[in-house]
C-alpha cells in the first residue's frame, strides 16, 4: 500500500463541504481540518503510484473549492497504531 499525504488549500467559505467531498473519494482514507497555512490534510492510500495521480490530479484537485495542493509520498510508516492493528488481524474481540 502506498500512502500519500496531501496538503490542501481550500476556499475558506467551503472548507467543510470540500472536506466531505474529498473524504468521499475512493482512495482517500482520512481528511483533517488543520490550522496554519493549509486548510486540510488528506491521506490517500492506494496500491500504485498511478492511482495517486488518479485520486489527486484527476479527482481531488477538481473538487470545487480546492485552490492548491501539495502531495508528499510516504516511504515508511512508524506508527504504534498500525502495528497494533496488524497484530490484531484475526484476533477475536
C-alpha atoms as a PDB file:
ATOM      1  CA  UNK A   1       0.000   0.000   0.000  1.00  0.00           C
ATOM      2  CA  UNK A   2       1.283   3.468  -0.917  1.00  0.00           C
ATOM      3  CA  UNK A   3       0.372   6.401   1.292  1.00  0.00           C
ATOM      4  CA  UNK A   4       0.318   9.987   0.074  1.00  0.00           C
ATOM      5  CA  UNK A   5      -0.185  12.956   2.366  1.00  0.00           C
ATOM      6  CA  UNK A   6      -1.919  15.812   0.561  1.00  0.00           C
ATOM      7  CA  UNK A   7      -1.843  19.375   1.923  1.00  0.00           C
ATOM      8  CA  UNK A   8      -4.847  21.298   0.630  1.00  0.00           C
ATOM      9  CA  UNK A   9      -5.596  24.998   0.492  1.00  0.00           C
ATOM     10  CA  UNK A  10      -9.333  25.482   0.178  1.00  0.00           C
ATOM     11  CA  UNK A  11     -11.856  28.258  -0.240  1.00  0.00           C
ATOM     12  CA  UNK A  12     -12.394  29.291   3.391  1.00  0.00           C
ATOM     13  CA  UNK A  13     -16.151  29.607   2.870  1.00  0.00           C
ATOM     14  CA  UNK A  14     -16.352  25.956   1.713  1.00  0.00           C
ATOM     15  CA  UNK A  15     -13.897  24.082   3.951  1.00  0.00           C
ATOM     16  CA  UNK A  16     -16.475  21.665   5.475  1.00  0.00           C
ATOM     17  CA  UNK A  17     -18.037  20.894   2.079  1.00  0.00           C
ATOM     18  CA  UNK A  18     -14.640  20.472   0.419  1.00  0.00           C
ATOM     19  CA  UNK A  19     -13.502  18.145   3.206  1.00  0.00           C
ATOM     20  CA  UNK A  20     -16.637  15.995   2.897  1.00  0.00           C
ATOM     21  CA  UNK A  21     -16.318  15.741  -0.898  1.00  0.00           C
ATOM     22  CA  UNK A  22     -12.660  14.772  -0.646  1.00  0.00           C
ATOM     23  CA  UNK A  23     -13.370  12.224   2.108  1.00  0.00           C
ATOM     24  CA  UNK A  24     -15.927  10.551  -0.183  1.00  0.00           C
ATOM     25  CA  UNK A  25     -13.360   9.944  -2.952  1.00  0.00           C
ATOM     26  CA  UNK A  26     -12.176   6.358  -3.471  1.00  0.00           C
ATOM     27  CA  UNK A  27      -8.615   6.077  -2.212  1.00  0.00           C
ATOM     28  CA  UNK A  28      -8.945   8.815   0.410  1.00  0.00           C
ATOM     29  CA  UNK A  29      -8.858   7.271   3.869  1.00  0.00           C
ATOM     30  CA  UNK A  30      -8.950  10.383   6.054  1.00  0.00           C
ATOM     31  CA  UNK A  31      -9.300  14.160   5.842  1.00  0.00           C
ATOM     32  CA  UNK A  32      -8.302  16.510   8.648  1.00  0.00           C
ATOM     33  CA  UNK A  33      -9.116  20.188   9.096  1.00  0.00           C
ATOM     34  CA  UNK A  34      -5.940  21.831  10.406  1.00  0.00           C
ATOM     35  CA  UNK A  35      -4.524  25.181  11.456  1.00  0.00           C
ATOM     36  CA  UNK A  36      -1.720  27.015   9.706  1.00  0.00           C
ATOM     37  CA  UNK A  37      -1.029  27.844   6.079  1.00  0.00           C
ATOM     38  CA  UNK A  38      -3.027  24.879   4.800  1.00  0.00           C
ATOM     39  CA  UNK A  39      -6.671  24.136   5.491  1.00  0.00           C
ATOM     40  CA  UNK A  40      -6.965  20.382   5.068  1.00  0.00           C
ATOM     41  CA  UNK A  41      -4.740  17.315   5.109  1.00  0.00           C
ATOM     42  CA  UNK A  42      -5.887  14.213   3.242  1.00  0.00           C
ATOM     43  CA  UNK A  43      -4.397  10.740   3.482  1.00  0.00           C
ATOM     44  CA  UNK A  44      -4.549   8.809   0.233  1.00  0.00           C
ATOM     45  CA  UNK A  45      -3.899   5.060   0.425  1.00  0.00           C
ATOM     46  CA  UNK A  46      -3.666   3.202  -2.871  1.00  0.00           C
ATOM     47  CA  UNK A  47      -1.841   0.268  -4.429  1.00  0.00           C
ATOM     48  CA  UNK A  48       0.063   2.031  -7.234  1.00  0.00           C
ATOM     49  CA  UNK A  49       1.713   5.363  -7.960  1.00  0.00           C
ATOM     50  CA  UNK A  50      -0.579   5.727 -10.965  1.00  0.00           C
ATOM     51  CA  UNK A  51      -3.543   5.526  -8.602  1.00  0.00           C
ATOM     52  CA  UNK A  52      -2.166   8.508  -6.647  1.00  0.00           C
ATOM     53  CA  UNK A  53      -2.300  10.533  -9.853  1.00  0.00           C
ATOM     54  CA  UNK A  54      -5.861   9.364 -10.478  1.00  0.00           C
ATOM     55  CA  UNK A  55      -7.003  10.321  -6.986  1.00  0.00           C
ATOM     56  CA  UNK A  56      -5.106  13.597  -6.567  1.00  0.00           C
ATOM     57  CA  UNK A  57      -4.723  15.046 -10.056  1.00  0.00           C
ATOM     58  CA  UNK A  58      -7.845  13.647 -11.684  1.00  0.00           C
ATOM     59  CA  UNK A  59     -10.363  13.919  -8.822  1.00  0.00           C
ATOM     60  CA  UNK A  60      -9.216  15.723  -5.654  1.00  0.00           C
ATOM     61  CA  UNK A  61      -7.810  18.750  -7.482  1.00  0.00           C
ATOM     62  CA  UNK A  62     -11.122  19.119  -9.332  1.00  0.00           C
ATOM     63  CA  UNK A  63     -13.282  19.377  -6.200  1.00  0.00           C
ATOM     64  CA  UNK A  64     -14.952  22.793  -6.208  1.00  0.00           C
ATOM     65  CA  UNK A  65     -13.188  24.917  -3.609  1.00  0.00           C
ATOM     66  CA  UNK A  66      -9.755  23.278  -3.805  1.00  0.00           C
ATOM     67  CA  UNK A  67      -7.328  26.111  -4.526  1.00  0.00           C
ATOM     68  CA  UNK A  68      -3.955  24.378  -4.269  1.00  0.00           C
ATOM     69  CA  UNK A  69      -2.447  21.039  -3.243  1.00  0.00           C
ATOM     70  CA  UNK A  70       0.971  19.734  -2.265  1.00  0.00           C
ATOM     71  CA  UNK A  71       1.472  15.967  -2.245  1.00  0.00           C
ATOM     72  CA  UNK A  72       4.053  14.007  -0.247  1.00  0.00           C
ATOM     73  CA  UNK A  73       4.678  10.279  -0.697  1.00  0.00           C
ATOM     74  CA  UNK A  74       5.411   8.296   2.474  1.00  0.00           C
ATOM     75  CA  UNK A  75       8.452   5.985   2.414  1.00  0.00           C
ATOM     76  CA  UNK A  76       7.807   4.126   5.666  1.00  0.00           C
ATOM     77  CA  UNK A  77       5.193   4.059   8.386  1.00  0.00           C
ATOM     78  CA  UNK A  78       6.272   4.419  12.001  1.00  0.00           C
ATOM     79  CA  UNK A  79       3.020   4.100  13.903  1.00  0.00           C
ATOM     80  CA  UNK A  80       2.119   2.192  17.029  1.00  0.00           C
ATOM     81  CA  UNK A  81      -1.497   2.270  15.828  1.00  0.00           C
ATOM     82  CA  UNK A  82      -0.651   0.488  12.540  1.00  0.00           C
ATOM     83  CA  UNK A  83       1.471  -2.151  14.319  1.00  0.00           C
ATOM     84  CA  UNK A  84      -1.290  -2.898  16.825  1.00  0.00           C
ATOM     85  CA  UNK A  85      -3.834  -3.212  14.006  1.00  0.00           C
ATOM     86  CA  UNK A  86      -1.579  -5.617  12.094  1.00  0.00           C
ATOM     87  CA  UNK A  87      -1.101  -7.884  15.131  1.00  0.00           C
ATOM     88  CA  UNK A  88      -4.837  -7.795  15.851  1.00  0.00           C
ATOM     89  CA  UNK A  89      -5.806  -9.256  12.446  1.00  0.00           C
ATOM     90  CA  UNK A  90      -7.793 -12.405  13.009  1.00  0.00           C
ATOM     91  CA  UNK A  91      -7.954 -11.893  16.747  1.00  0.00           C
ATOM     92  CA  UNK A  92     -11.324 -12.237  18.382  1.00  0.00           C
ATOM     93  CA  UNK A  93     -12.757  -9.374  20.437  1.00  0.00           C
END
